């Protein structure tokens, strides 16, 4: 009797262990799903990625930078949800590859490797640059700006930061500069010819994207403000985020 009782306990223990083993994977699966590495999107740009606000009356905080409820990068994060991680790397005055003689570290090319390696693995790199490349002192026309974008993209494609995936890059052409820029204090340092060059960029940047196998978005409908003519309004940020929220899930798997 003692032996049978002991055996019964042993059998029951085995049964409990089996049941426990069957139930654990579901729990572990839920925990695993909660810890899956998010889809990482790196947004490389200038002051329009940083969120500079040229019109304080258009900014909820009345300051010089749109807040986390207004910037397109943050709105994109909110729209895409917890499955994604949006990282903003925006610097006012940034160009594609052209050094600025008046300000240091303005070209994206010189810091691109460090940025990509710092944020690897990168699932999608969004580049929105070109506005500052139109500055008269840099001496570049629209075709040269597109060549600068090509050089920058090729550098990104050659950087080992993509994990097990192929390089995945979206080029966003910024809206054209408005005529109000010339009358604004920023118009002097920007110089002549910026407006015309910015209007030509879509033609050349779209060709660059096609050449390099990149995705492309023309942000011409995302309005610049009438104050300095070269920075997104709150409405412009919202529309850009909306467009990207529709596009990005089709580019990242």
C-alpha atoms as a PDB file:
ATOM      1  CA  UNK A   1       0.000   0.000   0.000  1.00  0.00           C
ATOM      2  CA  UNK A   2       2.787   2.378   0.858  1.00  0.00           C
ATOM      3  CA  UNK A   3       4.490   1.576  -2.437  1.00  0.00           C
ATOM      4  CA  UNK A   4       1.251   2.156  -4.422  1.00  0.00           C
ATOM      5  CA  UNK A   5       0.649   5.446  -2.610  1.00  0.00           C
ATOM      6  CA  UNK A   6       4.149   6.577  -3.407  1.00  0.00           C
ATOM      7  CA  UNK A   7       3.730   5.577  -7.026  1.00  0.00           C
ATOM      8  CA  UNK A   8       0.426   7.467  -7.256  1.00  0.00           C
ATOM      9  CA  UNK A   9       2.122  10.589  -5.929  1.00  0.00           C
ATOM     10  CA  UNK A  10       4.868  10.151  -8.447  1.00  0.00           C
ATOM     11  CA  UNK A  11       2.383   9.800 -11.292  1.00  0.00           C
ATOM     12  CA  UNK A  12       0.477  12.863 -10.118  1.00  0.00           C
ATOM     13  CA  UNK A  13       3.689  14.853  -9.916  1.00  0.00           C
ATOM     14  CA  UNK A  14       4.552  13.865 -13.442  1.00  0.00           C
ATOM     15  CA  UNK A  15       1.085  14.856 -14.653  1.00  0.00           C
ATOM     16  CA  UNK A  16       1.372  18.261 -12.902  1.00  0.00           C
ATOM     17  CA  UNK A  17       4.779  18.787 -14.453  1.00  0.00           C
ATOM     18  CA  UNK A  18       3.415  17.972 -17.908  1.00  0.00           C
ATOM     19  CA  UNK A  19       0.506  20.363 -17.462  1.00  0.00           C
ATOM     20  CA  UNK A  20       2.855  23.060 -16.207  1.00  0.00           C
ATOM     21  CA  UNK A  21       5.168  22.517 -19.165  1.00  0.00           C
ATOM     22  CA  UNK A  22       2.249  22.820 -21.602  1.00  0.00           C
ATOM     23  CA  UNK A  23       0.996  26.070 -20.084  1.00  0.00           C
ATOM     24  CA  UNK A  24       4.359  27.843 -19.800  1.00  0.00           C
ATOM     25  CA  UNK A  25       5.148  28.341 -23.472  1.00  0.00           C
ATOM     26  CA  UNK A  26       2.066  30.545 -23.965  1.00  0.00           C
ATOM     27  CA  UNK A  27       3.167  32.761 -21.100  1.00  0.00           C
ATOM     28  CA  UNK A  28       6.715  32.811 -22.317  1.00  0.00           C
ATOM     29  CA  UNK A  29       5.511  33.623 -25.799  1.00  0.00           C
ATOM     30  CA  UNK A  30       3.620  36.649 -24.485  1.00  0.00           C
ATOM     31  CA  UNK A  31       6.703  37.802 -22.597  1.00  0.00           C
ATOM     32  CA  UNK A  32       8.835  37.234 -25.671  1.00  0.00           C
ATOM     33  CA  UNK A  33       6.478  39.243 -27.840  1.00  0.00           C
ATOM     34  CA  UNK A  34       6.729  42.098 -25.369  1.00  0.00           C
ATOM     35  CA  UNK A  35      10.510  42.025 -25.612  1.00  0.00           C
ATOM     36  CA  UNK A  36      10.871  41.787 -29.388  1.00  0.00           C
ATOM     37  CA  UNK A  37      13.247  44.410 -30.748  1.00  0.00           C
ATOM     38  CA  UNK A  38      11.221  47.258 -32.192  1.00  0.00           C
ATOM     39  CA  UNK A  39      11.409  48.274 -35.819  1.00  0.00           C
ATOM     40  CA  UNK A  40      13.955  51.060 -35.696  1.00  0.00           C
ATOM     41  CA  UNK A  41      13.502  54.062 -37.968  1.00  0.00           C
ATOM     42  CA  UNK A  42      16.251  56.694 -38.008  1.00  0.00           C
ATOM     43  CA  UNK A  43      15.212  60.150 -39.240  1.00  0.00           C
ATOM     44  CA  UNK A  44      18.164  62.160 -40.541  1.00  0.00           C
ATOM     45  CA  UNK A  45      17.497  65.775 -41.359  1.00  0.00           C
ATOM     46  CA  UNK A  46      17.948  69.459 -40.667  1.00  0.00           C
ATOM     47  CA  UNK A  47      15.941  71.973 -38.624  1.00  0.00           C
ATOM     48  CA  UNK A  48      12.687  70.610 -40.041  1.00  0.00           C
ATOM     49  CA  UNK A  49      13.482  67.251 -38.454  1.00  0.00           C
ATOM     50  CA  UNK A  50      14.688  68.951 -35.280  1.00  0.00           C
ATOM     51  CA  UNK A  51      11.364  70.794 -35.191  1.00  0.00           C
ATOM     52  CA  UNK A  52      12.359  74.453 -35.418  1.00  0.00           C
ATOM     53  CA  UNK A  53       9.369  76.794 -35.261  1.00  0.00           C
ATOM     54  CA  UNK A  54       9.841  80.138 -37.001  1.00  0.00           C
ATOM     55  CA  UNK A  55       6.448  81.434 -35.843  1.00  0.00           C
ATOM     56  CA  UNK A  56       5.958  81.186 -32.044  1.00  0.00           C
ATOM     57  CA  UNK A  57       2.216  81.764 -32.473  1.00  0.00           C
ATOM     58  CA  UNK A  58       2.069  78.480 -34.396  1.00  0.00           C
ATOM     59  CA  UNK A  59       3.714  76.546 -31.576  1.00  0.00           C
ATOM     60  CA  UNK A  60       1.706  75.411 -28.544  1.00  0.00           C
ATOM     61  CA  UNK A  61       4.534  76.353 -26.200  1.00  0.00           C
ATOM     62  CA  UNK A  62       5.159  79.691 -27.902  1.00  0.00           C
ATOM     63  CA  UNK A  63       8.813  78.805 -28.301  1.00  0.00           C
ATOM     64  CA  UNK A  64      11.252  78.137 -31.102  1.00  0.00           C
ATOM     65  CA  UNK A  65      10.740  74.372 -31.257  1.00  0.00           C
ATOM     66  CA  UNK A  66       7.581  72.368 -31.800  1.00  0.00           C
ATOM     67  CA  UNK A  67       6.877  70.057 -28.880  1.00  0.00           C
ATOM     68  CA  UNK A  68       6.526  66.280 -28.792  1.00  0.00           C
ATOM     69  CA  UNK A  69       2.857  66.465 -29.771  1.00  0.00           C
ATOM     70  CA  UNK A  70       3.653  68.590 -32.822  1.00  0.00           C
ATOM     71  CA  UNK A  71       6.912  67.440 -34.428  1.00  0.00           C
ATOM     72  CA  UNK A  72       6.461  65.084 -37.372  1.00  0.00           C
ATOM     73  CA  UNK A  73       8.868  62.545 -35.899  1.00  0.00           C
ATOM     74  CA  UNK A  74       6.926  62.342 -32.643  1.00  0.00           C
ATOM     75  CA  UNK A  75       3.577  62.278 -34.395  1.00  0.00           C
ATOM     76  CA  UNK A  76       4.879  59.461 -36.575  1.00  0.00           C
ATOM     77  CA  UNK A  77       5.878  57.532 -33.453  1.00  0.00           C
ATOM     78  CA  UNK A  78       2.391  57.983 -32.004  1.00  0.00           C
ATOM     79  CA  UNK A  79       0.745  56.894 -35.258  1.00  0.00           C
ATOM     80  CA  UNK A  80       2.871  53.778 -35.732  1.00  0.00           C
ATOM     81  CA  UNK A  81       2.682  52.656 -32.107  1.00  0.00           C
ATOM     82  CA  UNK A  82       4.865  50.644 -29.772  1.00  0.00           C
ATOM     83  CA  UNK A  83       6.039  48.247 -32.454  1.00  0.00           C
ATOM     84  CA  UNK A  84       8.249  50.997 -33.859  1.00  0.00           C
ATOM     85  CA  UNK A  85      11.048  53.170 -32.476  1.00  0.00           C
ATOM     86  CA  UNK A  86      11.462  56.545 -34.163  1.00  0.00           C
ATOM     87  CA  UNK A  87      14.777  58.293 -33.568  1.00  0.00           C
ATOM     88  CA  UNK A  88      15.124  61.919 -34.657  1.00  0.00           C
ATOM     89  CA  UNK A  89      18.539  63.184 -35.728  1.00  0.00           C
ATOM     90  CA  UNK A  90      17.797  66.722 -36.846  1.00  0.00           C
ATOM     91  CA  UNK A  91      20.316  69.586 -36.883  1.00  0.00           C
ATOM     92  CA  UNK A  92      19.579  73.123 -38.010  1.00  0.00           C
ATOM     93  CA  UNK A  93      21.672  74.025 -41.045  1.00  0.00           C
ATOM     94  CA  UNK A  94      22.594  70.437 -41.937  1.00  0.00           C
ATOM     95  CA  UNK A  95      23.486  69.644 -45.549  1.00  0.00           C
ATOM     96  CA  UNK A  96      23.959  66.355 -47.365  1.00  0.00           C
ATOM     97  CA  UNK A  97      27.731  66.343 -47.928  1.00  0.00           C
ATOM     98  CA  UNK A  98      28.782  69.975 -48.287  1.00  0.00           C
ATOM     99  CA  UNK A  99      30.794  71.532 -45.413  1.00  0.00           C
ATOM    100  CA  UNK A 100      29.641  75.012 -44.394  1.00  0.00           C
ATOM    101  CA  UNK A 101      32.511  77.518 -44.103  1.00  0.00           C
ATOM    102  CA  UNK A 102      30.616  79.422 -41.416  1.00  0.00           C
ATOM    103  CA  UNK A 103      29.539  76.550 -39.163  1.00  0.00           C
ATOM    104  CA  UNK A 104      31.238  73.307 -38.226  1.00  0.00           C
ATOM    105  CA  UNK A 105      29.890  69.752 -38.516  1.00  0.00           C
ATOM    106  CA  UNK A 106      27.011  70.692 -40.788  1.00  0.00           C
ATOM    107  CA  UNK A 107      27.430  68.007 -43.442  1.00  0.00           C
ATOM    108  CA  UNK A 108      25.674  64.723 -42.759  1.00  0.00           C
ATOM    109  CA  UNK A 109      28.351  62.699 -44.534  1.00  0.00           C
ATOM    110  CA  UNK A 110      31.011  63.320 -41.890  1.00  0.00           C
ATOM    111  CA  UNK A 111      28.864  61.959 -39.057  1.00  0.00           C
ATOM    112  CA  UNK A 112      26.779  59.397 -40.927  1.00  0.00           C
ATOM    113  CA  UNK A 113      28.837  56.329 -40.031  1.00  0.00           C
ATOM    114  CA  UNK A 114      28.769  57.152 -36.308  1.00  0.00           C
ATOM    115  CA  UNK A 115      25.019  57.795 -36.372  1.00  0.00           C
ATOM    116  CA  UNK A 116      24.180  54.585 -38.176  1.00  0.00           C
ATOM    117  CA  UNK A 117      26.433  52.455 -35.997  1.00  0.00           C
ATOM    118  CA  UNK A 118      25.090  54.109 -32.843  1.00  0.00           C
ATOM    119  CA  UNK A 119      21.530  53.174 -33.763  1.00  0.00           C
ATOM    120  CA  UNK A 120      22.020  49.776 -35.417  1.00  0.00           C
ATOM    121  CA  UNK A 121      20.243  47.697 -36.345  1.00  0.00           C
ATOM    122  CA  UNK A 122      18.426  50.190 -38.555  1.00  0.00           C
ATOM    123  CA  UNK A 123      15.253  48.999 -40.288  1.00  0.00           C
ATOM    124  CA  UNK A 124      14.654  52.207 -42.234  1.00  0.00           C
ATOM    125  CA  UNK A 125      16.676  55.385 -42.725  1.00  0.00           C
ATOM    126  CA  UNK A 126      14.617  58.451 -43.628  1.00  0.00           C
ATOM    127  CA  UNK A 127      16.678  61.296 -45.108  1.00  0.00           C
ATOM    128  CA  UNK A 128      15.091  64.716 -45.542  1.00  0.00           C
ATOM    129  CA  UNK A 129      17.843  67.105 -46.595  1.00  0.00           C
ATOM    130  CA  UNK A 130      18.487  69.579 -49.389  1.00  0.00           C
ATOM    131  CA  UNK A 131      17.096  72.907 -48.199  1.00  0.00           C
ATOM    132  CA  UNK A 132      20.394  74.104 -46.721  1.00  0.00           C
ATOM    133  CA  UNK A 133      22.331  72.764 -49.697  1.00  0.00           C
ATOM    134  CA  UNK A 134      20.760  75.555 -51.757  1.00  0.00           C
ATOM    135  CA  UNK A 135      22.691  78.251 -49.859  1.00  0.00           C
ATOM    136  CA  UNK A 136      24.489  80.579 -52.219  1.00  0.00           C
ATOM    137  CA  UNK A 137      27.796  80.344 -50.321  1.00  0.00           C
ATOM    138  CA  UNK A 138      27.963  76.589 -50.940  1.00  0.00           C
ATOM    139  CA  UNK A 139      27.872  77.148 -54.686  1.00  0.00           C
ATOM    140  CA  UNK A 140      25.762  74.109 -55.570  1.00  0.00           C
ATOM    141  CA  UNK A 141      22.959  73.849 -58.107  1.00  0.00           C
ATOM    142  CA  UNK A 142      20.127  71.308 -57.942  1.00  0.00           C
ATOM    143  CA  UNK A 143      21.941  68.591 -59.925  1.00  0.00           C
ATOM    144  CA  UNK A 144      24.962  68.907 -57.611  1.00  0.00           C
ATOM    145  CA  UNK A 145      22.736  68.717 -54.532  1.00  0.00           C
ATOM    146  CA  UNK A 146      21.304  65.490 -55.922  1.00  0.00           C
ATOM    147  CA  UNK A 147      24.829  64.184 -56.428  1.00  0.00           C
ATOM    148  CA  UNK A 148      25.495  65.049 -52.791  1.00  0.00           C
ATOM    149  CA  UNK A 149      22.447  63.006 -51.798  1.00  0.00           C
ATOM    150  CA  UNK A 150      23.716  60.147 -53.943  1.00  0.00           C
ATOM    151  CA  UNK A 151      27.069  60.167 -52.188  1.00  0.00           C
ATOM    152  CA  UNK A 152      25.381  60.249 -48.781  1.00  0.00           C
ATOM    153  CA  UNK A 153      23.045  57.377 -49.616  1.00  0.00           C
ATOM    154  CA  UNK A 154      25.845  55.233 -51.034  1.00  0.00           C
ATOM    155  CA  UNK A 155      27.743  55.749 -47.784  1.00  0.00           C
ATOM    156  CA  UNK A 156      24.686  54.641 -45.810  1.00  0.00           C
ATOM    157  CA  UNK A 157      24.168  51.607 -48.024  1.00  0.00           C
ATOM    158  CA  UNK A 158      27.793  50.579 -47.517  1.00  0.00           C
ATOM    159  CA  UNK A 159      27.638  50.881 -43.720  1.00  0.00           C
ATOM    160  CA  UNK A 160      27.180  47.658 -41.759  1.00  0.00           C
ATOM    161  CA  UNK A 161      24.183  48.745 -39.696  1.00  0.00           C
ATOM    162  CA  UNK A 162      21.262  46.894 -41.272  1.00  0.00           C
ATOM    163  CA  UNK A 163      21.369  43.655 -39.325  1.00  0.00           C
ATOM    164  CA  UNK A 164      20.273  40.723 -41.464  1.00  0.00           C
ATOM    165  CA  UNK A 165      18.377  42.965 -43.880  1.00  0.00           C
ATOM    166  CA  UNK A 166      19.345  44.882 -46.996  1.00  0.00           C
ATOM    167  CA  UNK A 167      19.801  48.666 -46.785  1.00  0.00           C
ATOM    168  CA  UNK A 168      16.412  50.365 -46.610  1.00  0.00           C
ATOM    169  CA  UNK A 169      16.354  54.108 -47.288  1.00  0.00           C
ATOM    170  CA  UNK A 170      13.587  56.625 -47.907  1.00  0.00           C
ATOM    171  CA  UNK A 171      14.529  59.968 -49.469  1.00  0.00           C
ATOM    172  CA  UNK A 172      12.079  62.746 -48.631  1.00  0.00           C
ATOM    173  CA  UNK A 173      12.331  65.833 -50.801  1.00  0.00           C
ATOM    174  CA  UNK A 174      11.564  68.909 -48.675  1.00  0.00           C
ATOM    175  CA  UNK A 175       8.961  71.448 -49.789  1.00  0.00           C
ATOM    176  CA  UNK A 176      10.195  74.282 -51.998  1.00  0.00           C
ATOM    177  CA  UNK A 177      11.356  77.439 -50.259  1.00  0.00           C
ATOM    178  CA  UNK A 178       8.777  80.224 -50.291  1.00  0.00           C
ATOM    179  CA  UNK A 179       9.498  83.763 -51.626  1.00  0.00           C
ATOM    180  CA  UNK A 180       9.039  85.165 -48.103  1.00  0.00           C
ATOM    181  CA  UNK A 181      12.470  83.781 -47.269  1.00  0.00           C
ATOM    182  CA  UNK A 182      14.239  86.575 -49.136  1.00  0.00           C
ATOM    183  CA  UNK A 183      12.626  89.332 -47.021  1.00  0.00           C
ATOM    184  CA  UNK A 184      13.303  87.507 -43.744  1.00  0.00           C
ATOM    185  CA  UNK A 185      16.572  88.073 -41.821  1.00  0.00           C
ATOM    186  CA  UNK A 186      17.578  84.520 -42.751  1.00  0.00           C
ATOM    187  CA  UNK A 187      17.368  85.448 -46.422  1.00  0.00           C
ATOM    188  CA  UNK A 188      20.663  87.333 -46.414  1.00  0.00           C
ATOM    189  CA  UNK A 189      22.813  84.426 -45.217  1.00  0.00           C
ATOM    190  CA  UNK A 190      20.893  81.988 -47.426  1.00  0.00           C
ATOM    191  CA  UNK A 191      21.717  84.140 -50.468  1.00  0.00           C
ATOM    192  CA  UNK A 192      20.338  84.271 -53.974  1.00  0.00           C
ATOM    193  CA  UNK A 193      18.985  81.431 -56.044  1.00  0.00           C
ATOM    194  CA  UNK A 194      17.785  79.254 -53.166  1.00  0.00           C
ATOM    195  CA  UNK A 195      14.127  79.365 -54.139  1.00  0.00           C
ATOM    196  CA  UNK A 196      14.779  78.355 -57.722  1.00  0.00           C
ATOM    197  CA  UNK A 197      17.109  75.507 -56.752  1.00  0.00           C
ATOM    198  CA  UNK A 198      14.661  74.165 -54.162  1.00  0.00           C
ATOM    199  CA  UNK A 199      11.936  74.036 -56.818  1.00  0.00           C
ATOM    200  CA  UNK A 200      14.168  71.905 -59.027  1.00  0.00           C
ATOM    201  CA  UNK A 201      15.056  69.382 -56.316  1.00  0.00           C
ATOM    202  CA  UNK A 202      12.114  66.971 -56.792  1.00  0.00           C
ATOM    203  CA  UNK A 203      13.169  66.248 -60.358  1.00  0.00           C
ATOM    204  CA  UNK A 204      16.725  65.365 -59.382  1.00  0.00           C
ATOM    205  CA  UNK A 205      16.146  63.699 -56.012  1.00  0.00           C
ATOM    206  CA  UNK A 206      13.477  61.410 -57.440  1.00  0.00           C
ATOM    207  CA  UNK A 207      15.969  60.346 -60.116  1.00  0.00           C
ATOM    208  CA  UNK A 208      18.587  59.745 -57.428  1.00  0.00           C
ATOM    209  CA  UNK A 209      16.187  57.550 -55.467  1.00  0.00           C
ATOM    210  CA  UNK A 210      15.400  55.511 -58.566  1.00  0.00           C
ATOM    211  CA  UNK A 211      19.088  55.148 -59.422  1.00  0.00           C
ATOM    212  CA  UNK A 212      19.997  53.886 -55.960  1.00  0.00           C
ATOM    213  CA  UNK A 213      16.966  51.693 -55.351  1.00  0.00           C
ATOM    214  CA  UNK A 214      15.609  53.929 -52.591  1.00  0.00           C
ATOM    215  CA  UNK A 215      12.051  54.825 -51.709  1.00  0.00           C
ATOM    216  CA  UNK A 216      10.964  58.391 -52.436  1.00  0.00           C
ATOM    217  CA  UNK A 217       8.446  60.883 -51.102  1.00  0.00           C
ATOM    218  CA  UNK A 218       7.891  64.438 -52.293  1.00  0.00           C
ATOM    219  CA  UNK A 219       6.774  66.538 -49.314  1.00  0.00           C
ATOM    220  CA  UNK A 220       5.716  69.510 -51.449  1.00  0.00           C
ATOM    221  CA  UNK A 221       2.209  69.525 -49.932  1.00  0.00           C
ATOM    222  CA  UNK A 222       3.594  69.922 -46.396  1.00  0.00           C
ATOM    223  CA  UNK A 223       3.511  73.661 -46.074  1.00  0.00           C
ATOM    224  CA  UNK A 224       6.357  75.938 -45.095  1.00  0.00           C
ATOM    225  CA  UNK A 225       5.436  78.980 -43.005  1.00  0.00           C
ATOM    226  CA  UNK A 226       5.061  82.483 -44.511  1.00  0.00           C
ATOM    227  CA  UNK A 227       7.405  83.992 -41.905  1.00  0.00           C
ATOM    228  CA  UNK A 228      10.781  82.741 -43.102  1.00  0.00           C
ATOM    229  CA  UNK A 229       9.484  80.571 -45.933  1.00  0.00           C
ATOM    230  CA  UNK A 230      11.650  77.556 -45.182  1.00  0.00           C
ATOM    231  CA  UNK A 231      10.333  75.797 -42.075  1.00  0.00           C
ATOM    232  CA  UNK A 232       7.333  73.563 -41.614  1.00  0.00           C
ATOM    233  CA  UNK A 233       4.224  74.859 -39.907  1.00  0.00           C
ATOM    234  CA  UNK A 234       2.434  72.806 -37.280  1.00  0.00           C
ATOM    235  CA  UNK A 235       0.027  71.765 -40.019  1.00  0.00           C
ATOM    236  CA  UNK A 236       2.983  70.854 -42.227  1.00  0.00           C
ATOM    237  CA  UNK A 237       4.429  68.612 -39.513  1.00  0.00           C
ATOM    238  CA  UNK A 238       1.065  66.907 -39.067  1.00  0.00           C
ATOM    239  CA  UNK A 239       0.630  66.271 -42.784  1.00  0.00           C
ATOM    240  CA  UNK A 240       4.159  64.894 -43.184  1.00  0.00           C
ATOM    241  CA  UNK A 241       3.607  62.538 -40.252  1.00  0.00           C
ATOM    242  CA  UNK A 242       0.311  61.431 -41.780  1.00  0.00           C
ATOM    243  CA  UNK A 243       1.904  60.672 -45.133  1.00  0.00           C
ATOM    244  CA  UNK A 244       4.764  58.771 -43.533  1.00  0.00           C
ATOM    245  CA  UNK A 245       2.440  56.823 -41.248  1.00  0.00           C
ATOM    246  CA  UNK A 246       0.752  55.463 -44.361  1.00  0.00           C
ATOM    247  CA  UNK A 247       3.994  54.789 -46.222  1.00  0.00           C
ATOM    248  CA  UNK A 248       6.395  53.420 -43.592  1.00  0.00           C
ATOM    249  CA  UNK A 249       4.508  50.179 -42.757  1.00  0.00           C
ATOM    250  CA  UNK A 250       4.744  49.232 -46.427  1.00  0.00           C
ATOM    251  CA  UNK A 251       8.539  49.689 -46.341  1.00  0.00           C
ATOM    252  CA  UNK A 252       9.396  47.936 -43.078  1.00  0.00           C
ATOM    253  CA  UNK A 253       8.629  44.256 -42.559  1.00  0.00           C
END
